PDB file of N, CA and C in Angstrom:
ATOM      1  N   MET A   1       0.861  -1.062   0.047  1.00  0.00           N
ATOM      2  CA  MET A   1      -0.300   0.236   0.236  1.00  0.00           C
ATOM      3  C   MET A   1       0.759   1.073   0.120  1.00  0.00           C
ATOM      4  N   ASP A   2       0.707   1.958  -0.722  1.00  0.00           N
ATOM      5  CA  ASP A   2       1.241   3.738  -0.709  1.00  0.00           C
ATOM      6  C   ASP A   2       1.018   4.738  -0.030  1.00  0.00           C
ATOM      7  N   GLU A   3       1.925   5.631  -0.040  1.00  0.00           N
ATOM      8  CA  GLU A   3       1.505   6.660   1.607  1.00  0.00           C
ATOM      9  C   GLU A   3      -0.085   6.969   1.071  1.00  0.00           C
ATOM     10  N   TRP A   4      -0.221   7.047   0.115  1.00  0.00           N
ATOM     11  CA  TRP A   4      -2.029   7.520  -0.250  1.00  0.00           C
ATOM     12  C   TRP A   4      -2.971   6.949  -0.270  1.00  0.00           C
ATOM     13  N   SER A   5      -2.460   5.576  -0.106  1.00  0.00           N
ATOM     14  CA  SER A   5      -3.884   4.637   0.024  1.00  0.00           C
ATOM     15  C   SER A   5      -3.899   4.691   1.705  1.00  0.00           C
ATOM     16  N   GLY A   6      -2.858   4.876   2.130  1.00  0.00           N
ATOM     17  CA  GLY A   6      -2.870   4.851   3.561  1.00  0.00           C
ATOM     18  C   GLY A   6      -3.536   5.953   4.437  1.00  0.00           C
ATOM     19  N   ILE A   7      -3.335   7.453   3.318  1.00  0.00           N
ATOM     20  CA  ILE A   7      -3.843   8.384   3.898  1.00  0.00           C
ATOM     21  C   ILE A   7      -5.843   8.163   4.043  1.00  0.00           C
ATOM     22  N   ARG A   8      -5.685   8.015   2.504  1.00  0.00           N
ATOM     23  CA  ARG A   8      -6.907   7.875   1.991  1.00  0.00           C
ATOM     24  C   ARG A   8      -7.810   7.051   3.032  1.00  0.00           C
ATOM     25  N   ALA A   9      -7.273   5.645   3.066  1.00  0.00           N
ATOM     26  CA  ALA A   9      -7.921   4.576   4.281  1.00  0.00           C
ATOM     27  C   ALA A   9      -8.381   5.353   5.706  1.00  0.00           C
ATOM     28  N   GLY A  10      -7.335   6.298   6.188  1.00  0.00           N
ATOM     29  CA  GLY A  10      -7.710   6.673   7.615  1.00  0.00           C
ATOM     30  C   GLY A  10      -8.585   7.913   7.531  1.00  0.00           C
ATOM     31  N   LEU A  11      -9.362   8.627   6.318  1.00  0.00           N
ATOM     32  CA  LEU A  11      -9.855   9.326   6.075  1.00  0.00           C
ATOM     33  C   LEU A  11     -11.602   9.005   6.030  1.00  0.00           C
ATOM     34  N   ASP A  12     -11.694   7.491   6.158  1.00  0.00           N
ATOM     35  CA  ASP A  12     -12.817   6.775   6.797  1.00  0.00           C
ATOM     36  C   ASP A  12     -13.801   6.955   7.987  1.00  0.00           C
ATOM     37  N   ASP A  13     -12.462   7.653   8.954  1.00  0.00           N
ATOM     38  CA  ASP A  13     -12.771   7.633  10.461  1.00  0.00           C
ATOM     39  C   ASP A  13     -11.674   8.350  11.048  1.00  0.00           C
ATOM     40  N   PRO A  14     -12.009   9.743  10.509  1.00  0.00           N
ATOM     41  CA  PRO A  14     -10.869  10.844  11.039  1.00  0.00           C
ATOM     42  C   PRO A  14     -11.268  11.697  12.040  1.00  0.00           C
ATOM     43  N   PRO A  15      -9.777  11.713  12.765  1.00  0.00           N
ATOM     44  CA  PRO A  15     -10.201  12.343  14.096  1.00  0.00           C
ATOM     45  C   PRO A  15     -11.127  13.863  13.815  1.00  0.00           C
ATOM     46  N   ILE A  16     -11.552  13.995  14.987  1.00  0.00           N
ATOM     47  CA  ILE A  16     -12.312  15.359  15.331  1.00  0.00           C
ATOM     48  C   ILE A  16     -11.712  16.705  15.003  1.00  0.00           C
ATOM     49  N   ALA A  17     -10.619  16.709  15.933  1.00  0.00           N
ATOM     50  CA  ALA A  17      -9.645  17.523  15.709  1.00  0.00           C
ATOM     51  C   ALA A  17      -8.554  17.693  14.564  1.00  0.00           C
ATOM     52  N   PRO A  18      -8.299  18.509  14.094  1.00  0.00           N
ATOM     53  CA  PRO A  18      -7.047  18.024  13.303  1.00  0.00           C
ATOM     54  C   PRO A  18      -5.742  17.554  13.577  1.00  0.00           C
ATOM     55  N   PRO A  19      -5.209  16.654  13.109  1.00  0.00           N
ATOM     56  CA  PRO A  19      -4.220  15.708  13.866  1.00  0.00           C
ATOM     57  C   PRO A  19      -3.082  16.477  13.600  1.00  0.00           C
ATOM     58  N   GLU A  20      -1.682  15.895  13.601  1.00  0.00           N
ATOM     59  CA  GLU A  20      -0.428  16.372  13.763  1.00  0.00           C
ATOM     60  C   GLU A  20       0.145  16.196  12.206  1.00  0.00           C
ATOM     61  N   GLY A  21       0.468  17.806  11.373  1.00  0.00           N
ATOM     62  CA  GLY A  21       0.753  17.786  10.480  1.00  0.00           C
ATOM     63  C   GLY A  21      -0.206  18.287   9.632  1.00  0.00           C
ATOM     64  N   CYS A  22      -1.536  18.493   9.787  1.00  0.00           N
ATOM     65  CA  CYS A  22      -2.329  19.144   9.077  1.00  0.00           C
ATOM     66  C   CYS A  22      -2.328  20.621   8.903  1.00  0.00           C
ATOM     67  N   ILE A  23      -1.779  21.217   7.486  1.00  0.00           N
ATOM     68  CA  ILE A  23      -1.527  22.384   7.107  1.00  0.00           C
ATOM     69  C   ILE A  23      -2.551  23.245   6.794  1.00  0.00           C
ATOM     70  N   ASP A  24      -3.817  23.231   7.177  1.00  0.00           N
ATOM     71  CA  ASP A  24      -4.893  23.996   7.521  1.00  0.00           C
ATOM     72  C   ASP A  24      -6.348  23.086   8.542  1.00  0.00           C
ATOM     73  N   PRO A  25      -6.080  24.059   9.417  1.00  0.00           N
ATOM     74  CA  PRO A  25      -6.622  23.194  10.530  1.00  0.00           C
ATOM     75  C   PRO A  25      -8.127  23.707  10.312  1.00  0.00           C
ATOM     76  N   TYR A  26      -8.452  25.141   9.668  1.00  0.00           N
ATOM     77  CA  TYR A  26      -9.613  25.766   9.468  1.00  0.00           C
ATOM     78  C   TYR A  26     -10.579  24.658   8.545  1.00  0.00           C
ATOM     79  N   LEU A  27      -9.918  24.590   7.217  1.00  0.00           N
ATOM     80  CA  LEU A  27     -10.173  23.898   6.354  1.00  0.00           C
ATOM     81  C   LEU A  27     -10.640  22.343   6.666  1.00  0.00           C
ATOM     82  N   TRP A  28      -9.441  22.034   7.669  1.00  0.00           N
ATOM     83  CA  TRP A  28      -9.841  20.353   8.577  1.00  0.00           C
ATOM     84  C   TRP A  28     -11.708  20.470   8.899  1.00  0.00           C
ATOM     85  N   GLN A  29     -11.603  21.439   9.422  1.00  0.00           N
ATOM     86  CA  GLN A  29     -13.020  21.463  10.452  1.00  0.00           C
ATOM     87  C   GLN A  29     -14.223  21.886   9.378  1.00  0.00           C
ATOM     88  N   LEU A  30     -14.056  22.323   8.519  1.00  0.00           N
ATOM     89  CA  LEU A  30     -14.873  22.546   7.577  1.00  0.00           C
ATOM     90  C   LEU A  30     -15.688  21.098   6.543  1.00  0.00           C
ATOM     91  N   ALA A  31     -14.074  20.870   6.357  1.00  0.00           N
ATOM     92  CA  ALA A  31     -14.764  19.110   5.919  1.00  0.00           C
ATOM     93  C   ALA A  31     -14.964  18.084   6.618  1.00  0.00           C
ATOM     94  N   ARG A  32     -14.558  18.355   7.803  1.00  0.00           N
ATOM     95  CA  ARG A  32     -14.946  17.201   8.979  1.00  0.00           C
ATOM     96  C   ARG A  32     -16.337  17.538   9.206  1.00  0.00           C
ATOM     97  N   GLN A  33     -16.822  18.742   9.480  1.00  0.00           N
ATOM     98  CA  GLN A  33     -18.319  19.069   9.214  1.00  0.00           C
ATOM     99  C   GLN A  33     -19.138  18.420   8.238  1.00  0.00           C
ATOM    100  N   LEU A  34     -18.586  18.335   6.890  1.00  0.00           N
ATOM    101  CA  LEU A  34     -19.366  17.808   5.760  1.00  0.00           C
ATOM    102  C   LEU A  34     -19.698  16.210   6.348  1.00  0.00           C
ATOM    103  N   LEU A  35     -18.194  15.822   6.540  1.00  0.00           N
ATOM    104  CA  LEU A  35     -18.138  14.198   6.725  1.00  0.00           C
ATOM    105  C   LEU A  35     -19.686  13.474   7.605  1.00  0.00           C
ATOM    106  N   SER A  36     -19.276  14.515   9.041  1.00  0.00           N
ATOM    107  CA  SER A  36     -20.135  14.288   9.895  1.00  0.00           C
ATOM    108  C   SER A  36     -21.537  14.431   9.211  1.00  0.00           C
ATOM    109  N   ASP A  37     -21.866  15.262   8.421  1.00  0.00           N
ATOM    110  CA  ASP A  37     -23.254  15.788   7.966  1.00  0.00           C
ATOM    111  C   ASP A  37     -23.429  14.469   7.121  1.00  0.00           C
ATOM    112  N   HIS A  38     -22.966  13.772   6.193  1.00  0.00           N
ATOM    113  CA  HIS A  38     -23.058  12.680   5.541  1.00  0.00           C
ATOM    114  C   HIS A  38     -22.647  11.119   6.253  1.00  0.00           C
ATOM    115  N   SER A  39     -22.502  11.193   7.040  1.00  0.00           N
ATOM    116  CA  SER A  39     -22.515   9.945   8.046  1.00  0.00           C
ATOM    117  C   SER A  39     -23.383   8.876   7.481  1.00  0.00           C
ATOM    118  N   ARG A  40     -23.166   7.685   7.620  1.00  0.00           N
ATOM    119  CA  ARG A  40     -23.867   6.147   7.341  1.00  0.00           C
ATOM    120  C   ARG A  40     -24.747   5.715   7.996  1.00  0.00           C
ATOM    121  N   THR A  41     -25.923   5.426   7.902  1.00  0.00           N
ATOM    122  CA  THR A  41     -26.397   4.527   8.833  1.00  0.00           C
ATOM    123  C   THR A  41     -25.927   3.153   8.730  1.00  0.00           C
ATOM    124  N   PRO A  42     -26.661   2.114   9.753  1.00  0.00           N
ATOM    125  CA  PRO A  42     -25.727   1.011   9.847  1.00  0.00           C
ATOM    126  C   PRO A  42     -26.323   0.041   8.661  1.00  0.00           C
ATOM    127  N   SER A  43     -27.463   0.479   7.884  1.00  0.00           N
ATOM    128  CA  SER A  43     -27.501  -0.075   6.522  1.00  0.00           C
ATOM    129  C   SER A  43     -26.480   0.513   5.656  1.00  0.00           C
ATOM    130  N   GLY A  44     -25.711   1.444   5.437  1.00  0.00           N
ATOM    131  CA  GLY A  44     -24.239   1.779   4.680  1.00  0.00           C
ATOM    132  C   GLY A  44     -25.168   3.055   4.020  1.00  0.00           C
ATOM    133  N   GLU A  45     -26.566   3.711   4.259  1.00  0.00           N
ATOM    134  CA  GLU A  45     -26.749   4.747   3.328  1.00  0.00           C
ATOM    135  C   GLU A  45     -26.461   5.710   3.763  1.00  0.00           C
ATOM    136  N   CYS A  46     -26.247   7.018   3.431  1.00  0.00           N
ATOM    137  CA  CYS A  46     -25.911   8.366   3.832  1.00  0.00           C
ATOM    138  C   CYS A  46     -27.158   8.793   4.156  1.00  0.00           C
ATOM    139  N   VAL A  47     -27.101   9.590   5.829  1.00  0.00           N
ATOM    140  CA  VAL A  47     -27.738  10.544   6.059  1.00  0.00           C
ATOM    141  C   VAL A  47     -28.589  11.690   5.281  1.00  0.00           C
ATOM    142  N   THR A  48     -27.983  11.910   4.787  1.00  0.00           N
ATOM    143  CA  THR A  48     -28.568  13.067   4.042  1.00  0.00           C
ATOM    144  C   THR A  48     -28.747  13.077   2.267  1.00  0.00           C
ATOM    145  N   CYS A  49     -28.280  11.874   1.908  1.00  0.00           N
ATOM    146  CA  CYS A  49     -28.391  11.636   0.389  1.00  0.00           C
ATOM    147  C   CYS A  49     -28.506  10.371   0.359  1.00  0.00           C
ATOM    148  N   PRO A  50     -29.445   9.680   1.079  1.00  0.00           N
ATOM    149  CA  PRO A  50     -29.846   8.284   0.913  1.00  0.00           C
ATOM    150  C   PRO A  50     -29.898   7.718  -0.503  1.00  0.00           C
ATOM    151  N   GLY A  51     -30.548   8.459  -1.539  1.00  0.00           N
ATOM    152  CA  GLY A  51     -30.859   7.808  -2.698  1.00  0.00           C
ATOM    153  C   GLY A  51     -29.116   7.817  -3.504  1.00  0.00           C
ATOM    154  N   TRP A  52     -28.555   8.205  -3.229  1.00  0.00           N
ATOM    155  CA  TRP A  52     -26.762   8.273  -3.687  1.00  0.00           C
ATOM    156  C   TRP A  52     -25.775   7.349  -3.500  1.00  0.00           C
ATOM    157  N   LYS A  53     -25.873   6.520  -4.435  1.00  0.00           N
ATOM    158  CA  LYS A  53     -24.493   5.457  -3.881  1.00  0.00           C
ATOM    159  C   LYS A  53     -23.311   5.755  -5.418  1.00  0.00           C
ATOM    160  N   PRO A  54     -22.134   5.929  -5.185  1.00  0.00           N
ATOM    161  CA  PRO A  54     -21.499   6.589  -3.713  1.00  0.00           C
ATOM    162  C   PRO A  54     -22.227   7.716  -3.129  1.00  0.00           C
ATOM    163  N   CYS A  55     -22.156   7.943  -2.126  1.00  0.00           N
ATOM    164  CA  CYS A  55     -22.076   9.585  -1.703  1.00  0.00           C
ATOM    165  C   CYS A  55     -21.586  10.452  -1.646  1.00  0.00           C
ATOM    166  N   PRO A  56     -22.138  11.574  -2.841  1.00  0.00           N
ATOM    167  CA  PRO A  56     -20.985  12.396  -3.695  1.00  0.00           C
ATOM    168  C   PRO A  56     -20.010  13.572  -2.079  1.00  0.00           C
ATOM    169  N   GLY A  57     -21.540  13.850  -1.133  1.00  0.00           N
ATOM    170  CA  GLY A  57     -20.531  14.496  -0.179  1.00  0.00           C
ATOM    171  C   GLY A  57     -19.661  13.724   0.708  1.00  0.00           C
ATOM    172  N   LEU A  58     -20.013  12.576   1.127  1.00  0.00           N
ATOM    173  CA  LEU A  58     -18.631  11.848   1.723  1.00  0.00           C
ATOM    174  C   LEU A  58     -17.507  11.982   1.106  1.00  0.00           C
ATOM    175  N   ALA A  59     -17.504  11.824  -0.235  1.00  0.00           N
ATOM    176  CA  ALA A  59     -16.384  11.939  -1.593  1.00  0.00           C
ATOM    177  C   ALA A  59     -15.400  13.324  -1.269  1.00  0.00           C
ATOM    178  N   LEU A  60     -16.386  14.302  -1.316  1.00  0.00           N
ATOM    179  CA  LEU A  60     -16.223  15.792  -1.294  1.00  0.00           C
ATOM    180  C   LEU A  60     -15.470  16.178  -0.185  1.00  0.00           C
ATOM    181  N   ALA A  61     -16.311  15.337   0.858  1.00  0.00           N
ATOM    182  CA  ALA A  61     -15.224  15.643   2.229  1.00  0.00           C
ATOM    183  C   ALA A  61     -13.706  15.082   2.832  1.00  0.00           C
ATOM    184  N   ARG A  62     -13.751  13.935   2.277  1.00  0.00           N
ATOM    185  CA  ARG A  62     -12.664  12.952   2.155  1.00  0.00           C
ATOM    186  C   ARG A  62     -11.507  14.145   1.422  1.00  0.00           C
ATOM    187  N   ASP A  63     -11.797  14.876   0.225  1.00  0.00           N
ATOM    188  CA  ASP A  63     -11.247  15.387  -0.690  1.00  0.00           C
ATOM    189  C   ASP A  63     -10.751  16.758   0.083  1.00  0.00           C
ATOM    190  N   GLY A  64     -11.904  16.866   0.931  1.00  0.00           N
ATOM    191  CA  GLY A  64     -11.298  18.552   2.112  1.00  0.00           C
ATOM    192  C   GLY A  64     -10.478  17.948   3.428  1.00  0.00           C
ATOM    193  N   LEU A  65     -10.499  16.673   3.429  1.00  0.00           N
ATOM    194  CA  LEU A  65      -9.519  16.594   4.440  1.00  0.00           C
ATOM    195  C   LEU A  65      -8.300  16.288   3.652  1.00  0.00           C
ATOM    196  N   ALA A  66      -8.251  15.349   2.923  1.00  0.00           N
ATOM    197  CA  ALA A  66      -6.874  15.194   2.485  1.00  0.00           C
ATOM    198  C   ALA A  66      -6.267  16.583   1.996  1.00  0.00           C
ATOM    199  N   THR A  67      -6.996  17.437   1.330  1.00  0.00           N
ATOM    200  CA  THR A  67      -6.197  18.611   0.846  1.00  0.00           C
ATOM    201  C   THR A  67      -5.824  19.764   2.210  1.00  0.00           C
ATOM    202  N   ALA A  68      -6.547  19.351   3.158  1.00  0.00           N
ATOM    203  CA  ALA A  68      -6.174  19.777   4.638  1.00  0.00           C
ATOM    204  C   ALA A  68      -4.414  19.532   5.023  1.00  0.00           C
ATOM    205  N   LEU A  69      -4.586  18.446   4.679  1.00  0.00           N
ATOM    206  CA  LEU A  69      -3.324  17.610   5.190  1.00  0.00           C
ATOM    207  C   LEU A  69      -2.251  17.632   4.006  1.00  0.00           C
ATOM    208  N   GLY A  70      -2.444  18.524   3.462  1.00  0.00           N
ATOM    209  CA  GLY A  70      -1.536  18.714   1.815  1.00  0.00           C
ATOM    210  C   GLY A  70      -1.556  18.114   0.823  1.00  0.00           C
ATOM    211  N   GLN A  71      -2.118  17.400   0.914  1.00  0.00           N
ATOM    212  CA  GLN A  71      -1.986  16.461  -0.776  1.00  0.00           C
ATOM    213  C   GLN A  71      -2.809  17.439  -1.577  1.00  0.00           C
ATOM    214  N   SER A  72      -2.916  17.095  -2.726  1.00  0.00           N
ATOM    215  CA  SER A  72      -3.247  17.709  -4.024  1.00  0.00           C
ATOM    216  C   SER A  72      -4.459  16.710  -4.517  1.00  0.00           C
ATOM    217  N   VAL A  73      -5.769  16.807  -4.444  1.00  0.00           N
ATOM    218  CA  VAL A  73      -6.640  15.759  -5.042  1.00  0.00           C
ATOM    219  C   VAL A  73      -7.779  16.704  -5.993  1.00  0.00           C
ATOM    220  N   ARG A  74      -8.097  16.023  -6.735  1.00  0.00           N
ATOM    221  CA  ARG A  74      -9.502  15.993  -7.455  1.00  0.00           C
ATOM    222  C   ARG A  74     -10.040  17.693  -7.244  1.00  0.00           C
ATOM    223  N   ASN A  75     -10.671  17.483  -5.795  1.00  0.00           N
ATOM    224  CA  ASN A  75     -11.571  18.808  -5.521  1.00  0.00           C
ATOM    225  C   ASN A  75     -10.998  19.663  -4.676  1.00  0.00           C
ATOM    226  N   SER A  76      -9.063  20.103  -4.435  1.00  0.00           N
ATOM    227  CA  SER A  76      -8.245  20.808  -3.721  1.00  0.00           C
ATOM    228  C   SER A  76      -8.612  21.910  -3.920  1.00  0.00           C
ATOM    229  N   ALA A  77      -8.738  22.463  -5.361  1.00  0.00           N
ATOM    230  CA  ALA A  77      -8.850  24.002  -5.544  1.00  0.00           C
ATOM    231  C   ALA A  77     -10.317  24.459  -4.914  1.00  0.00           C
ATOM    232  N   TYR A  78     -11.589  23.457  -5.235  1.00  0.00           N
ATOM    233  CA  TYR A  78     -12.522  24.028  -4.373  1.00  0.00           C
ATOM    234  C   TYR A  78     -12.581  24.235  -3.114  1.00  0.00           C
ATOM    235  N   TRP A  79     -12.139  23.092  -2.154  1.00  0.00           N
ATOM    236  CA  TRP A  79     -11.867  23.227  -0.745  1.00  0.00           C
ATOM    237  C   TRP A  79     -10.771  24.626  -0.661  1.00  0.00           C
ATOM    238  N   ILE A  80     -10.081  24.811  -1.324  1.00  0.00           N
ATOM    239  CA  ILE A  80      -9.211  26.179  -0.774  1.00  0.00           C
ATOM    240  C   ILE A  80      -9.733  27.376  -0.746  1.00  0.00           C
ATOM    241  N   ALA A  81     -10.735  27.524  -2.618  1.00  0.00           N
ATOM    242  CA  ALA A  81     -11.672  28.447  -2.455  1.00  0.00           C
ATOM    243  C   ALA A  81     -12.567  28.956  -1.607  1.00  0.00           C
ATOM    244  N   TYR A  82     -13.300  27.762  -1.081  1.00  0.00           N
ATOM    245  CA  TYR A  82     -14.174  27.562  -0.223  1.00  0.00           C
ATOM    246  C   TYR A  82     -13.912  27.802   1.476  1.00  0.00           C
ATOM    247  N   ALA A  83     -12.831  27.479   1.666  1.00  0.00           N
ATOM    248  CA  ALA A  83     -12.281  27.649   2.886  1.00  0.00           C
ATOM    249  C   ALA A  83     -11.955  29.301   2.956  1.00  0.00           C
ATOM    250  N   GLN A  84     -10.983  29.585   1.853  1.00  0.00           N
ATOM    251  CA  GLN A  84     -10.897  30.980   1.729  1.00  0.00           C
ATOM    252  C   GLN A  84     -11.941  31.995   2.194  1.00  0.00           C
ATOM    253  N   LEU A  85     -12.866  31.784   1.719  1.00  0.00           N
ATOM    254  CA  LEU A  85     -14.648  32.723   1.523  1.00  0.00           C
ATOM    255  C   LEU A  85     -14.863  32.344   2.520  1.00  0.00           C
ATOM    256  N   HIS A  86     -14.927  31.452   3.551  1.00  0.00           N
ATOM    257  CA  HIS A  86     -15.664  31.098   4.692  1.00  0.00           C
ATOM    258  C   HIS A  86     -14.424  31.606   6.031  1.00  0.00           C
ATOM    259  N   ARG A  87     -13.748  31.472   6.191  1.00  0.00           N
ATOM    260  CA  ARG A  87     -12.746  31.945   6.864  1.00  0.00           C
ATOM    261  C   ARG A  87     -12.761  33.093   7.767  1.00  0.00           C
ATOM    262  N   PRO A  88     -12.734  32.953   9.210  1.00  0.00           N
ATOM    263  CA  PRO A  88     -12.823  33.744  10.110  1.00  0.00           C
ATOM    264  C   PRO A  88     -12.205  35.524   9.637  1.00  0.00           C
ATOM    265  N   PRO A  89     -12.581  36.595   9.619  1.00  0.00           N
ATOM    266  CA  PRO A  89     -11.621  37.619   9.436  1.00  0.00           C
ATOM    267  C   PRO A  89     -10.471  37.705  10.438  1.00  0.00           C
ATOM    268  N   VAL A  90      -9.282  38.184  10.936  1.00  0.00           N
ATOM    269  CA  VAL A  90      -8.049  38.410  11.285  1.00  0.00           C
ATOM    270  C   VAL A  90      -8.300  39.400  12.333  1.00  0.00           C
ATOM    271  N   SER A  91      -8.543  39.416  13.246  1.00  0.00           N
ATOM    272  CA  SER A  91      -8.246  40.436  14.028  1.00  0.00           C
ATOM    273  C   SER A  91      -6.937  41.181  14.149  1.00  0.00           C
ATOM    274  N   HIS A  92      -6.970  42.565  13.673  1.00  0.00           N
ATOM    275  CA  HIS A  92      -5.603  43.328  14.421  1.00  0.00           C
ATOM    276  C   HIS A  92      -5.811  44.252  15.152  1.00  0.00           C
ATOM    277  N   ALA A  93      -6.252  43.447  16.375  1.00  0.00           N
ATOM    278  CA  ALA A  93      -5.903  44.560  17.784  1.00  0.00           C
ATOM    279  C   ALA A  93      -4.663  44.732  18.114  1.00  0.00           C
ATOM    280  N   ARG A  94      -4.839  45.827  18.668  1.00  0.00           N
ATOM    281  CA  ARG A  94      -3.474  45.908  18.565  1.00  0.00           C
ATOM    282  C   ARG A  94      -3.074  46.167  20.558  1.00  0.00           C
TER     283      ARG A  94
END
Protein backbone atom coordinates (compact mmCIF):
# COMPACT_ATOMS: atom_id res chain seq x y z
CA MET A 1 0.00 0.00 0.00
CA ASP A 2 1.45 3.40 -0.96
CA GLU A 3 1.44 6.38 1.41
CA TRP A 4 -1.60 8.04 -0.21
CA SER A 5 -3.66 4.83 0.05
CA GLY A 6 -2.91 4.73 3.77
CA ILE A 7 -3.93 8.36 4.21
CA ARG A 8 -7.09 7.82 2.16
CA ALA A 9 -8.07 4.79 4.27
CA GLY A 10 -7.59 6.88 7.43
CA LEU A 11 -10.10 9.43 6.13
CA ASP A 12 -12.96 6.98 6.67
CA ASP A 13 -12.93 7.72 10.40
CA PRO A 14 -10.77 10.82 10.94
CA PRO A 15 -10.37 12.55 14.30
CA ILE A 16 -12.54 15.57 15.01
CA ALA A 17 -9.53 17.74 15.88
CA PRO A 18 -7.00 18.36 13.10
CA PRO A 19 -4.21 15.78 13.39
CA GLU A 20 -0.53 16.57 13.71
CA GLY A 21 0.81 17.62 10.33
CA CYS A 22 -2.45 19.23 9.20
CA ILE A 23 -1.48 22.33 7.21
CA ASP A 24 -4.92 23.99 7.34
CA PRO A 25 -6.85 23.31 10.57
CA TYR A 26 -9.77 25.52 9.51
CA LEU A 27 -10.21 23.64 6.25
CA TRP A 28 -10.05 20.41 8.29
CA GLN A 29 -12.92 21.65 10.46
CA LEU A 30 -15.05 22.50 7.41
CA ALA A 31 -14.43 19.15 5.74
CA ARG A 32 -14.89 17.23 9.01
CA GLN A 33 -18.31 18.87 9.48
CA LEU A 34 -19.33 17.84 5.96
CA LEU A 35 -18.17 14.30 6.71
CA SER A 36 -20.28 14.30 9.86
CA ASP A 37 -23.29 15.58 7.89
CA HIS A 38 -22.91 12.62 5.52
CA SER A 39 -22.49 9.84 8.06
CA ARG A 40 -23.81 6.39 7.25
CA THR A 41 -26.74 4.49 8.67
CA PRO A 42 -26.18 0.91 9.90
CA SER A 43 -27.28 -0.27 6.44
CA GLY A 44 -24.57 1.89 4.82
CA GLU A 45 -26.75 4.64 3.36
CA CYS A 46 -25.92 8.31 3.78
CA VAL A 47 -28.19 10.07 6.29
CA THR A 48 -28.24 13.22 4.12
CA CYS A 49 -28.56 11.76 0.63
CA PRO A 50 -29.70 8.13 0.96
CA GLY A 51 -30.52 7.65 -2.72
CA TRP A 52 -26.98 8.32 -3.92
CA LYS A 53 -24.40 5.55 -4.13
CA PRO A 54 -21.66 6.42 -3.62
CA CYS A 55 -22.45 9.50 -1.55
CA PRO A 56 -20.99 12.59 -3.30
CA GLY A 57 -20.88 14.53 -0.01
CA LEU A 58 -18.72 11.86 1.58
CA ALA A 59 -16.31 11.91 -1.37
CA LEU A 60 -16.14 15.71 -1.25
CA ALA A 61 -15.49 15.65 2.50
CA ARG A 62 -12.64 13.15 2.08
CA ASP A 63 -11.08 15.39 -0.56
CA GLY A 64 -11.33 18.33 1.86
CA LEU A 65 -9.63 16.38 4.62
CA ALA A 66 -6.88 15.29 2.24
CA THR A 67 -6.40 18.89 1.08
CA ALA A 68 -6.12 20.04 4.71
CA LEU A 69 -3.33 17.48 5.10
CA GLY A 70 -1.45 18.96 2.15
CA GLN A 71 -2.45 16.44 -0.52
CA SER A 72 -3.43 17.62 -3.99
CA VAL A 73 -6.65 15.86 -4.98
CA ARG A 74 -9.45 16.35 -7.51
CA ASN A 75 -11.37 18.91 -5.44
CA SER A 76 -8.45 20.70 -3.75
CA ALA A 77 -9.01 23.95 -5.65
CA TYR A 78 -12.66 23.96 -4.56
CA TRP A 79 -11.76 23.37 -0.91
CA ILE A 80 -9.05 26.04 -0.85
CA ALA A 81 -11.45 28.61 -2.35
CA TYR A 82 -14.30 27.55 -0.04
CA ALA A 83 -12.12 27.86 3.06
CA GLN A 84 -10.91 31.30 1.95
CA LEU A 85 -14.51 32.48 1.51
CA HIS A 86 -15.61 31.21 4.91
CA ARG A 87 -12.50 31.80 7.00
CA PRO A 88 -13.24 34.20 9.87
CA PRO A 89 -11.59 37.61 9.51
CA VAL A 90 -8.32 38.09 11.33
CA SER A 91 -8.46 40.66 14.10
CA HIS A 92 -5.60 43.15 14.11
CA ALA A 93 -6.18 44.44 17.64
CA ARG A 94 -3.28 46.25 19.25
